[in-house]
Amino acid sequence: MSIALLGIKTDMKRRVGALVLAAAALAFGYLSQPASAQGDSGRRARIEGTWIMQVHRVTQNLTFTALQSFTAGGVTLATGTVDRTPPPPISPLYGTWKRIGENNYATSLSFFIFDGAGNAVAMLQNYETFHLNAYDDIVGTGEAYLCDPNGDNCVNINSPITFTGRLMNAQHP
């Protein structure tokens, strides 16, 4: 084997090695990005999971149970025991969340309000803040804004809400 051929093979091995290292560095950075974006240095955010909430509508003096989930990507979803019975019925709740401090989180959570014929006539937007007191104990407050069905022209409807809740834990039979 000639010296020139050995040089080409060695150079090729170096390039392949550099490409493998570069790909590994990119993959590591990509995989760790969502966790660091939440500020938890690679660990899951404490709020992630599904919570069983007691929701109190202060002005109406109404308390009901709801499920609210917080996903790793900053999405929050919720549904409650009075969603279909008010009337009017409402859609499931969809929104976003973010960490705003040590054990403190903020959400924007919206849902549609329907008329008797099933047409969306308004959107209600809830702005909520939560504090985790312990691993599985959460408290919070919120305010509601009534908007047109597109989420525009919002007006505070003086409907404060408070929350207490506990984290659901996966169980097996």
C-alpha atoms as a PDB file:
ATOM      1  CA  MET A   1       0.000   0.000   0.000  1.00  0.00           C
ATOM      2  CA  SER A   2       1.390   3.355  -0.945  1.00  0.00           C
ATOM      3  CA  ILE A   3       2.055   6.176   1.489  1.00  0.00           C
ATOM      4  CA  ALA A   4      -0.413   8.380  -0.412  1.00  0.00           C
ATOM      5  CA  LEU A   5      -3.189   5.809   0.029  1.00  0.00           C
ATOM      6  CA  LEU A   6      -2.449   5.503   3.773  1.00  0.00           C
ATOM      7  CA  GLY A   7      -2.612   9.280   4.072  1.00  0.00           C
ATOM      8  CA  ILE A   8      -6.036   9.378   2.374  1.00  0.00           C
ATOM      9  CA  LYS A   9      -7.394   6.631   4.684  1.00  0.00           C
ATOM     10  CA  THR A  10      -6.078   8.420   7.779  1.00  0.00           C
ATOM     11  CA  ASP A  11      -7.540  11.726   6.625  1.00  0.00           C
ATOM     12  CA  MET A  12     -10.882  10.043   5.910  1.00  0.00           C
ATOM     13  CA  LYS A  13     -10.940   8.440   9.391  1.00  0.00           C
ATOM     14  CA  ARG A  14     -10.315  11.862  10.960  1.00  0.00           C
ATOM     15  CA  ARG A  15     -13.143  13.447   8.969  1.00  0.00           C
ATOM     16  CA  VAL A  16     -15.577  10.643   9.826  1.00  0.00           C
ATOM     17  CA  GLY A  17     -14.583  10.908  13.495  1.00  0.00           C
ATOM     18  CA  ALA A  18     -15.120  14.692  13.450  1.00  0.00           C
ATOM     19  CA  LEU A  19     -18.530  14.231  11.813  1.00  0.00           C
ATOM     20  CA  VAL A  20     -19.564  11.660  14.440  1.00  0.00           C
ATOM     21  CA  LEU A  21     -18.488  14.009  17.254  1.00  0.00           C
ATOM     22  CA  ALA A  22     -20.306  16.942  15.656  1.00  0.00           C
ATOM     23  CA  ALA A  23     -23.489  14.894  15.217  1.00  0.00           C
ATOM     24  CA  ALA A  24     -23.324  13.731  18.847  1.00  0.00           C
ATOM     25  CA  ALA A  25     -22.863  17.312  20.071  1.00  0.00           C
ATOM     26  CA  LEU A  26     -25.824  18.508  18.007  1.00  0.00           C
ATOM     27  CA  ALA A  27     -28.025  15.634  19.213  1.00  0.00           C
ATOM     28  CA  PHE A  28     -27.086  16.284  22.844  1.00  0.00           C
ATOM     29  CA  GLY A  29     -27.861  19.993  22.475  1.00  0.00           C
ATOM     30  CA  TYR A  30     -31.174  19.260  20.748  1.00  0.00           C
ATOM     31  CA  LEU A  31     -32.302  16.712  23.348  1.00  0.00           C
ATOM     32  CA  SER A  32     -31.429  18.892  26.315  1.00  0.00           C
ATOM     33  CA  GLN A  33     -32.936  22.110  24.949  1.00  0.00           C
ATOM     34  CA  PRO A  34     -36.579  21.739  26.057  1.00  0.00           C
ATOM     35  CA  ALA A  35     -35.627  20.996  29.660  1.00  0.00           C
ATOM     36  CA  SER A  36     -33.219  23.918  29.869  1.00  0.00           C
ATOM     37  CA  ALA A  37     -35.805  26.192  28.242  1.00  0.00           C
ATOM     38  CA  GLN A  38     -38.000  25.498  31.268  1.00  0.00           C
ATOM     39  CA  GLY A  39     -35.144  26.442  33.585  1.00  0.00           C
ATOM     40  CA  ASP A  40     -34.803  23.076  35.304  1.00  0.00           C
ATOM     41  CA  SER A  41     -31.350  22.014  34.043  1.00  0.00           C
ATOM     42  CA  GLY A  42     -32.474  18.828  32.335  1.00  0.00           C
ATOM     43  CA  ARG A  43     -35.068  17.746  34.913  1.00  0.00           C
ATOM     44  CA  ARG A  44     -38.796  17.813  34.377  1.00  0.00           C
ATOM     45  CA  ALA A  45     -40.517  20.965  35.578  1.00  0.00           C
ATOM     46  CA  ARG A  46     -42.288  20.362  38.882  1.00  0.00           C
ATOM     47  CA  ILE A  47     -45.653  21.452  37.476  1.00  0.00           C
ATOM     48  CA  GLU A  48     -45.638  18.862  34.670  1.00  0.00           C
ATOM     49  CA  GLY A  49     -48.342  16.233  34.962  1.00  0.00           C
ATOM     50  CA  THR A  50     -52.087  16.217  35.608  1.00  0.00           C
ATOM     51  CA  TRP A  51     -53.582  17.890  38.668  1.00  0.00           C
ATOM     52  CA  ILE A  52     -56.981  17.357  40.295  1.00  0.00           C
ATOM     53  CA  MET A  53     -58.117  20.902  41.061  1.00  0.00           C
ATOM     54  CA  GLN A  54     -60.821  22.439  43.183  1.00  0.00           C
ATOM     55  CA  VAL A  55     -61.748  25.610  41.299  1.00  0.00           C
ATOM     56  CA  HIS A  56     -63.648  28.334  43.135  1.00  0.00           C
ATOM     57  CA  ARG A  57     -65.389  31.056  41.133  1.00  0.00           C
ATOM     58  CA  VAL A  58     -65.307  33.735  43.828  1.00  0.00           C
ATOM     59  CA  THR A  59     -67.991  36.109  42.486  1.00  0.00           C
ATOM     60  CA  GLN A  60     -70.452  33.267  41.788  1.00  0.00           C
ATOM     61  CA  ASN A  61     -69.527  31.361  44.987  1.00  0.00           C
ATOM     62  CA  LEU A  62     -69.310  28.177  42.907  1.00  0.00           C
ATOM     63  CA  THR A  63     -66.740  25.425  43.485  1.00  0.00           C
ATOM     64  CA  PHE A  64     -66.177  22.527  41.099  1.00  0.00           C
ATOM     65  CA  THR A  65     -63.562  19.891  40.254  1.00  0.00           C
ATOM     66  CA  ALA A  66     -61.325  20.111  37.196  1.00  0.00           C
ATOM     67  CA  LEU A  67     -58.404  18.247  35.667  1.00  0.00           C
ATOM     68  CA  GLN A  68     -55.554  20.406  34.412  1.00  0.00           C
ATOM     69  CA  SER A  69     -52.483  19.010  32.661  1.00  0.00           C
ATOM     70  CA  PHE A  70     -49.142  20.703  32.053  1.00  0.00           C
ATOM     71  CA  THR A  71     -46.943  19.200  29.315  1.00  0.00           C
ATOM     72  CA  ALA A  72     -43.183  19.447  28.809  1.00  0.00           C
ATOM     73  CA  GLY A  73     -43.618  21.713  25.783  1.00  0.00           C
ATOM     74  CA  GLY A  74     -45.456  24.444  27.706  1.00  0.00           C
ATOM     75  CA  VAL A  75     -49.002  23.364  26.774  1.00  0.00           C
ATOM     76  CA  THR A  76     -51.787  23.214  29.357  1.00  0.00           C
ATOM     77  CA  LEU A  77     -55.138  21.461  28.895  1.00  0.00           C
ATOM     78  CA  ALA A  78     -58.131  21.372  31.223  1.00  0.00           C
ATOM     79  CA  THR A  79     -61.689  20.194  31.624  1.00  0.00           C
ATOM     80  CA  GLY A  80     -64.120  20.543  34.500  1.00  0.00           C
ATOM     81  CA  THR A  81     -67.230  18.986  35.963  1.00  0.00           C
ATOM     82  CA  VAL A  82     -69.377  21.998  34.968  1.00  0.00           C
ATOM     83  CA  ASP A  83     -68.157  22.336  31.361  1.00  0.00           C
ATOM     84  CA  ARG A  84     -71.362  20.930  29.841  1.00  0.00           C
ATOM     85  CA  THR A  85     -73.957  22.023  32.388  1.00  0.00           C
ATOM     86  CA  PRO A  86     -73.864  25.782  32.940  1.00  0.00           C
ATOM     87  CA  PRO A  87     -75.570  26.496  30.290  1.00  0.00           C
ATOM     88  CA  PRO A  88     -74.013  27.534  28.001  1.00  0.00           C
ATOM     89  CA  PRO A  89     -71.730  24.592  27.258  1.00  0.00           C
ATOM     90  CA  ILE A  90     -68.059  25.282  26.665  1.00  0.00           C
ATOM     91  CA  SER A  91     -65.209  23.667  24.740  1.00  0.00           C
ATOM     92  CA  PRO A  92     -62.206  21.960  26.336  1.00  0.00           C
ATOM     93  CA  LEU A  93     -59.655  24.454  27.649  1.00  0.00           C
ATOM     94  CA  TYR A  94     -56.345  24.912  25.805  1.00  0.00           C
ATOM     95  CA  GLY A  95     -53.436  27.154  26.613  1.00  0.00           C
ATOM     96  CA  THR A  96     -49.803  27.703  27.461  1.00  0.00           C
ATOM     97  CA  TRP A  97     -47.731  27.836  30.624  1.00  0.00           C
ATOM     98  CA  LYS A  98     -44.303  29.069  31.662  1.00  0.00           C
ATOM     99  CA  ARG A  99     -42.181  29.218  34.778  1.00  0.00           C
ATOM    100  CA  ILE A 100     -42.053  32.722  36.289  1.00  0.00           C
ATOM    101  CA  GLY A 101     -39.995  32.061  39.420  1.00  0.00           C
ATOM    102  CA  GLU A 102     -39.074  29.508  42.034  1.00  0.00           C
ATOM    103  CA  ASN A 103     -42.094  27.146  42.196  1.00  0.00           C
ATOM    104  CA  ASN A 104     -44.252  29.780  40.424  1.00  0.00           C
ATOM    105  CA  TYR A 105     -45.927  29.402  37.047  1.00  0.00           C
ATOM    106  CA  ALA A 106     -48.230  31.455  34.797  1.00  0.00           C
ATOM    107  CA  THR A 107     -50.803  30.215  32.308  1.00  0.00           C
ATOM    108  CA  SER A 108     -53.036  31.599  29.604  1.00  0.00           C
ATOM    109  CA  LEU A 109     -55.969  29.210  29.177  1.00  0.00           C
ATOM    110  CA  SER A 110     -58.838  29.758  26.710  1.00  0.00           C
ATOM    111  CA  PHE A 111     -62.109  28.114  25.749  1.00  0.00           C
ATOM    112  CA  PHE A 112     -65.109  28.774  23.497  1.00  0.00           C
ATOM    113  CA  ILE A 113     -68.620  29.489  24.741  1.00  0.00           C
ATOM    114  CA  PHE A 114     -71.447  28.138  22.564  1.00  0.00           C
ATOM    115  CA  ASP A 115     -75.055  29.208  22.051  1.00  0.00           C
ATOM    116  CA  GLY A 116     -77.967  26.746  22.136  1.00  0.00           C
ATOM    117  CA  ALA A 117     -77.462  25.923  18.441  1.00  0.00           C
ATOM    118  CA  GLY A 118     -73.789  24.987  19.016  1.00  0.00           C
ATOM    119  CA  ASN A 119     -72.272  28.132  17.484  1.00  0.00           C
ATOM    120  CA  ALA A 120     -69.202  29.667  19.143  1.00  0.00           C
ATOM    121  CA  VAL A 121     -70.317  33.099  20.352  1.00  0.00           C
ATOM    122  CA  ALA A 122     -67.359  34.079  22.552  1.00  0.00           C
ATOM    123  CA  MET A 123     -63.973  33.041  23.879  1.00  0.00           C
ATOM    124  CA  LEU A 124     -63.123  33.211  27.560  1.00  0.00           C
ATOM    125  CA  GLN A 125     -59.466  33.684  28.408  1.00  0.00           C
ATOM    126  CA  ASN A 126     -58.217  32.860  31.897  1.00  0.00           C
ATOM    127  CA  TYR A 127     -54.884  34.205  33.092  1.00  0.00           C
ATOM    128  CA  GLU A 128     -53.707  32.120  36.031  1.00  0.00           C
ATOM    129  CA  THR A 129     -50.742  31.968  38.382  1.00  0.00           C
ATOM    130  CA  PHE A 130     -49.813  28.893  40.396  1.00  0.00           C
ATOM    131  CA  HIS A 131     -47.491  28.203  43.297  1.00  0.00           C
ATOM    132  CA  LEU A 132     -46.290  24.727  44.224  1.00  0.00           C
ATOM    133  CA  ASN A 133     -46.250  24.420  48.012  1.00  0.00           C
ATOM    134  CA  ALA A 134     -44.957  20.866  47.990  1.00  0.00           C
ATOM    135  CA  TYR A 135     -44.270  18.140  45.453  1.00  0.00           C
ATOM    136  CA  ASP A 136     -47.974  17.331  45.031  1.00  0.00           C
ATOM    137  CA  ASP A 137     -49.717  20.466  46.398  1.00  0.00           C
ATOM    138  CA  ILE A 138     -50.619  23.472  44.225  1.00  0.00           C
ATOM    139  CA  VAL A 139     -52.528  26.735  44.833  1.00  0.00           C
ATOM    140  CA  GLY A 140     -53.405  29.509  42.418  1.00  0.00           C
ATOM    141  CA  THR A 141     -55.495  32.469  41.379  1.00  0.00           C
ATOM    142  CA  GLY A 142     -56.842  33.732  38.092  1.00  0.00           C
ATOM    143  CA  GLU A 143     -58.849  36.340  36.226  1.00  0.00           C
ATOM    144  CA  ALA A 144     -61.225  35.859  33.311  1.00  0.00           C
ATOM    145  CA  TYR A 145     -61.585  37.997  30.188  1.00  0.00           C
ATOM    146  CA  LEU A 146     -64.482  37.727  27.731  1.00  0.00           C
ATOM    147  CA  CYS A 147     -63.437  38.081  24.082  1.00  0.00           C
ATOM    148  CA  ASP A 148     -64.989  37.687  20.657  1.00  0.00           C
ATOM    149  CA  PRO A 149     -64.661  34.163  19.173  1.00  0.00           C
ATOM    150  CA  ASN A 150     -61.319  35.142  17.570  1.00  0.00           C
ATOM    151  CA  GLY A 151     -59.787  36.064  20.924  1.00  0.00           C
ATOM    152  CA  ASP A 152     -59.898  39.817  20.258  1.00  0.00           C
ATOM    153  CA  ASN A 153     -61.645  42.742  22.011  1.00  0.00           C
ATOM    154  CA  CYS A 154     -61.220  41.214  25.474  1.00  0.00           C
ATOM    155  CA  VAL A 155     -62.846  42.730  28.565  1.00  0.00           C
ATOM    156  CA  ASN A 156     -62.161  41.794  32.202  1.00  0.00           C
ATOM    157  CA  ILE A 157     -65.459  40.372  33.492  1.00  0.00           C
ATOM    158  CA  ASN A 158     -64.550  40.651  37.208  1.00  0.00           C
ATOM    159  CA  SER A 159     -64.657  36.890  37.715  1.00  0.00           C
ATOM    160  CA  PRO A 160     -61.724  35.977  39.970  1.00  0.00           C
ATOM    161  CA  ILE A 161     -60.960  32.300  40.507  1.00  0.00           C
ATOM    162  CA  THR A 162     -58.883  30.438  43.074  1.00  0.00           C
ATOM    163  CA  PHE A 163     -57.403  26.944  42.857  1.00  0.00           C
ATOM    164  CA  THR A 164     -56.162  24.227  45.152  1.00  0.00           C
ATOM    165  CA  GLY A 165     -55.015  20.898  43.824  1.00  0.00           C
ATOM    166  CA  ARG A 166     -53.003  17.747  44.094  1.00  0.00           C
ATOM    167  CA  LEU A 167     -50.854  15.938  41.555  1.00  0.00           C
ATOM    168  CA  MET A 168     -52.237  12.702  40.132  1.00  0.00           C
ATOM    169  CA  ASN A 169     -49.798   9.802  40.402  1.00  0.00           C
ATOM    170  CA  ALA A 170     -49.599   6.841  38.055  1.00  0.00           C
ATOM    171  CA  GLN A 171     -50.715   3.671  39.768  1.00  0.00           C
ATOM    172  CA  HIS A 172     -50.914   0.043  38.809  1.00  0.00           C
ATOM    173  CA  PRO A 173     -53.462  -2.590  39.882  1.00  0.00           C
END
